[in-house]
Amino acid sequence: FGSENSPYSVKVRSYFRYKGIPHEWIVRTPETAGEYKKYAKLPIIPAIATPAGEGMQDSTPVIEALEAGHPEPSIWPPGAELRFLSELLEEFGDE
C-alpha cells in the first residue's frame, strides 16, 4: 500500500521493480482502508503485505528485510567502506 506522492512508497516500489519481485501496487485510499488496516500497525505508508500474511512498514526496514531474502543484484556497493557511505547517505536522505 502506498501513494504516488510519497517518496517512501516510491522508494519501496522502485526496489521491487529493480529486484524483479512480483508485487501489486495498491494506492492507499478510503476504498482500500479496510485491507490496509489488516497489515498496518501505524497510519503510515508504505505498508507491505507479505505472501505469509504479515505486514511490514517503514521503507528502510522493509528494504533491509527484503534484501536479506533477495540479495542479488545487491543494492549495496562492494566493500565495507562504500557500504557504510551508502547506508549513511540513505539515512541522511531518508530523514
C-alpha atoms as a PDB file:
ATOM      1  CA  PHE A   1       0.000   0.000   0.000  1.00  0.00           C
ATOM      2  CA  GLY A   2       1.378   3.379  -0.900  1.00  0.00           C
ATOM      3  CA  SER A   3       0.935   6.681  -2.645  1.00  0.00           C
ATOM      4  CA  GLU A   4       2.426   8.163  -5.783  1.00  0.00           C
ATOM      5  CA  ASN A   5       3.037  11.317  -3.710  1.00  0.00           C
ATOM      6  CA  SER A   6       5.057   9.536  -1.024  1.00  0.00           C
ATOM      7  CA  PRO A   7       8.811   9.346  -1.680  1.00  0.00           C
ATOM      8  CA  TYR A   8       8.997   6.447   0.775  1.00  0.00           C
ATOM      9  CA  SER A   9       6.333   4.499  -1.122  1.00  0.00           C
ATOM     10  CA  VAL A  10       8.042   5.194  -4.432  1.00  0.00           C
ATOM     11  CA  LYS A  11      11.372   4.091  -2.917  1.00  0.00           C
ATOM     12  CA  VAL A  12       9.951   0.687  -1.973  1.00  0.00           C
ATOM     13  CA  ARG A  13       8.127   0.338  -5.275  1.00  0.00           C
ATOM     14  CA  SER A  14      11.373   1.095  -7.126  1.00  0.00           C
ATOM     15  CA  TYR A  15      13.132  -1.550  -5.045  1.00  0.00           C
ATOM     16  CA  PHE A  16      10.532  -4.171  -6.021  1.00  0.00           C
ATOM     17  CA  ARG A  17      10.958  -3.245  -9.676  1.00  0.00           C
ATOM     18  CA  TYR A  18      14.777  -3.259  -9.511  1.00  0.00           C
ATOM     19  CA  LYS A  19      14.786  -6.693  -7.899  1.00  0.00           C
ATOM     20  CA  GLY A  20      12.053  -8.067 -10.147  1.00  0.00           C
ATOM     21  CA  ILE A  21       9.973  -9.021  -7.104  1.00  0.00           C
ATOM     22  CA  PRO A  22       6.349  -9.660  -8.114  1.00  0.00           C
ATOM     23  CA  HIS A  23       4.020  -7.267  -6.334  1.00  0.00           C
ATOM     24  CA  GLU A  24       0.726  -5.486  -6.597  1.00  0.00           C
ATOM     25  CA  TRP A  25       0.755  -1.722  -6.108  1.00  0.00           C
ATOM     26  CA  ILE A  26      -2.309  -0.641  -4.144  1.00  0.00           C
ATOM     27  CA  VAL A  27      -2.882   3.051  -3.614  1.00  0.00           C
ATOM     28  CA  ARG A  28      -4.000   3.803  -0.074  1.00  0.00           C
ATOM     29  CA  THR A  29      -7.436   5.359  -0.395  1.00  0.00           C
ATOM     30  CA  PRO A  30     -10.653   5.322   1.647  1.00  0.00           C
ATOM     31  CA  GLU A  31     -11.731   2.366  -0.520  1.00  0.00           C
ATOM     32  CA  THR A  32      -8.617   0.329   0.397  1.00  0.00           C
ATOM     33  CA  ALA A  33      -8.528   1.385   4.069  1.00  0.00           C
ATOM     34  CA  GLY A  34     -10.014  -1.859   5.388  1.00  0.00           C
ATOM     35  CA  GLU A  35      -7.417  -4.028   3.661  1.00  0.00           C
ATOM     36  CA  TYR A  36      -4.639  -1.599   4.617  1.00  0.00           C
ATOM     37  CA  LYS A  37      -5.578  -1.789   8.305  1.00  0.00           C
ATOM     38  CA  LYS A  38      -5.131  -5.583   8.261  1.00  0.00           C
ATOM     39  CA  TYR A  39      -1.387  -5.111   7.737  1.00  0.00           C
ATOM     40  CA  ALA A  40      -0.563  -1.656   9.126  1.00  0.00           C
ATOM     41  CA  LYS A  41       0.376  -1.158  12.760  1.00  0.00           C
ATOM     42  CA  LEU A  42       0.859   2.587  12.282  1.00  0.00           C
ATOM     43  CA  PRO A  43      -1.004   5.007   9.999  1.00  0.00           C
ATOM     44  CA  ILE A  44       1.980   5.421   7.663  1.00  0.00           C
ATOM     45  CA  ILE A  45       2.879   4.323   4.167  1.00  0.00           C
ATOM     46  CA  PRO A  46       4.259   2.303   2.634  1.00  0.00           C
ATOM     47  CA  ALA A  47       2.749  -0.813   4.118  1.00  0.00           C
ATOM     48  CA  ILE A  48       3.702  -4.185   2.684  1.00  0.00           C
ATOM     49  CA  ALA A  49       1.556  -7.303   2.908  1.00  0.00           C
ATOM     50  CA  THR A  50       3.793 -10.372   2.596  1.00  0.00           C
ATOM     51  CA  PRO A  51       2.721 -13.640   0.966  1.00  0.00           C
ATOM     52  CA  ALA A  52       2.697 -15.087   4.508  1.00  0.00           C
ATOM     53  CA  GLY A  53       0.054 -12.525   5.514  1.00  0.00           C
ATOM     54  CA  GLU A  54       2.375 -10.384   7.619  1.00  0.00           C
ATOM     55  CA  GLY A  55       2.604  -6.616   7.463  1.00  0.00           C
ATOM     56  CA  MET A  56       5.782  -4.532   7.226  1.00  0.00           C
ATOM     57  CA  GLN A  57       6.140  -0.762   7.344  1.00  0.00           C
ATOM     58  CA  ASP A  58       8.787   1.943   7.038  1.00  0.00           C
ATOM     59  CA  SER A  59      10.749   1.936   3.807  1.00  0.00           C
ATOM     60  CA  THR A  60      14.261   1.336   5.156  1.00  0.00           C
ATOM     61  CA  PRO A  61      13.418  -1.671   7.387  1.00  0.00           C
ATOM     62  CA  VAL A  62      11.220  -3.101   4.606  1.00  0.00           C
ATOM     63  CA  ILE A  63      14.065  -2.923   2.101  1.00  0.00           C
ATOM     64  CA  GLU A  64      16.601  -4.308   4.588  1.00  0.00           C
ATOM     65  CA  ALA A  65      14.337  -7.281   5.346  1.00  0.00           C
ATOM     66  CA  LEU A  66      13.657  -7.964   1.679  1.00  0.00           C
ATOM     67  CA  GLU A  67      17.326  -7.607   0.746  1.00  0.00           C
ATOM     68  CA  ALA A  68      18.170 -10.483   3.096  1.00  0.00           C
ATOM     69  CA  GLY A  69      15.922 -12.765   1.063  1.00  0.00           C
ATOM     70  CA  HIS A  70      16.758 -11.278  -2.358  1.00  0.00           C
ATOM     71  CA  PRO A  71      20.484 -10.482  -2.226  1.00  0.00           C
ATOM     72  CA  GLU A  72      21.087 -10.401  -5.989  1.00  0.00           C
ATOM     73  CA  PRO A  73      21.516  -7.988  -7.587  1.00  0.00           C
ATOM     74  CA  SER A  74      22.754  -6.252  -4.479  1.00  0.00           C
ATOM     75  CA  ILE A  75      21.673  -2.731  -3.674  1.00  0.00           C
ATOM     76  CA  TRP A  76      24.911  -2.247  -1.737  1.00  0.00           C
ATOM     77  CA  PRO A  77      28.227  -1.301  -3.324  1.00  0.00           C
ATOM     78  CA  PRO A  78      31.146  -3.705  -2.809  1.00  0.00           C
ATOM     79  CA  GLY A  79      33.422  -3.130   0.174  1.00  0.00           C
ATOM     80  CA  ALA A  80      32.732  -2.184   3.761  1.00  0.00           C
ATOM     81  CA  GLU A  81      33.735   1.469   3.322  1.00  0.00           C
ATOM     82  CA  LEU A  82      31.422   2.055   0.365  1.00  0.00           C
ATOM     83  CA  ARG A  83      28.572   0.192   2.026  1.00  0.00           C
ATOM     84  CA  PHE A  84      28.956   2.369   5.125  1.00  0.00           C
ATOM     85  CA  LEU A  85      28.895   5.500   2.968  1.00  0.00           C
ATOM     86  CA  SER A  86      25.860   4.203   1.055  1.00  0.00           C
ATOM     87  CA  GLU A  87      23.958   3.495   4.279  1.00  0.00           C
ATOM     88  CA  LEU A  88      24.949   6.872   5.706  1.00  0.00           C
ATOM     89  CA  LEU A  89      23.675   8.694   2.624  1.00  0.00           C
ATOM     90  CA  GLU A  90      20.456   6.640   2.663  1.00  0.00           C
ATOM     91  CA  GLU A  91      19.862   7.518   6.309  1.00  0.00           C
ATOM     92  CA  PHE A  92      20.543  11.209   5.675  1.00  0.00           C
ATOM     93  CA  GLY A  93      18.292  11.282   2.591  1.00  0.00           C
ATOM     94  CA  ASP A  94      15.537   9.338   4.293  1.00  0.00           C
ATOM     95  CA  GLU A  95      15.017  11.903   7.029  1.00  0.00           C
END
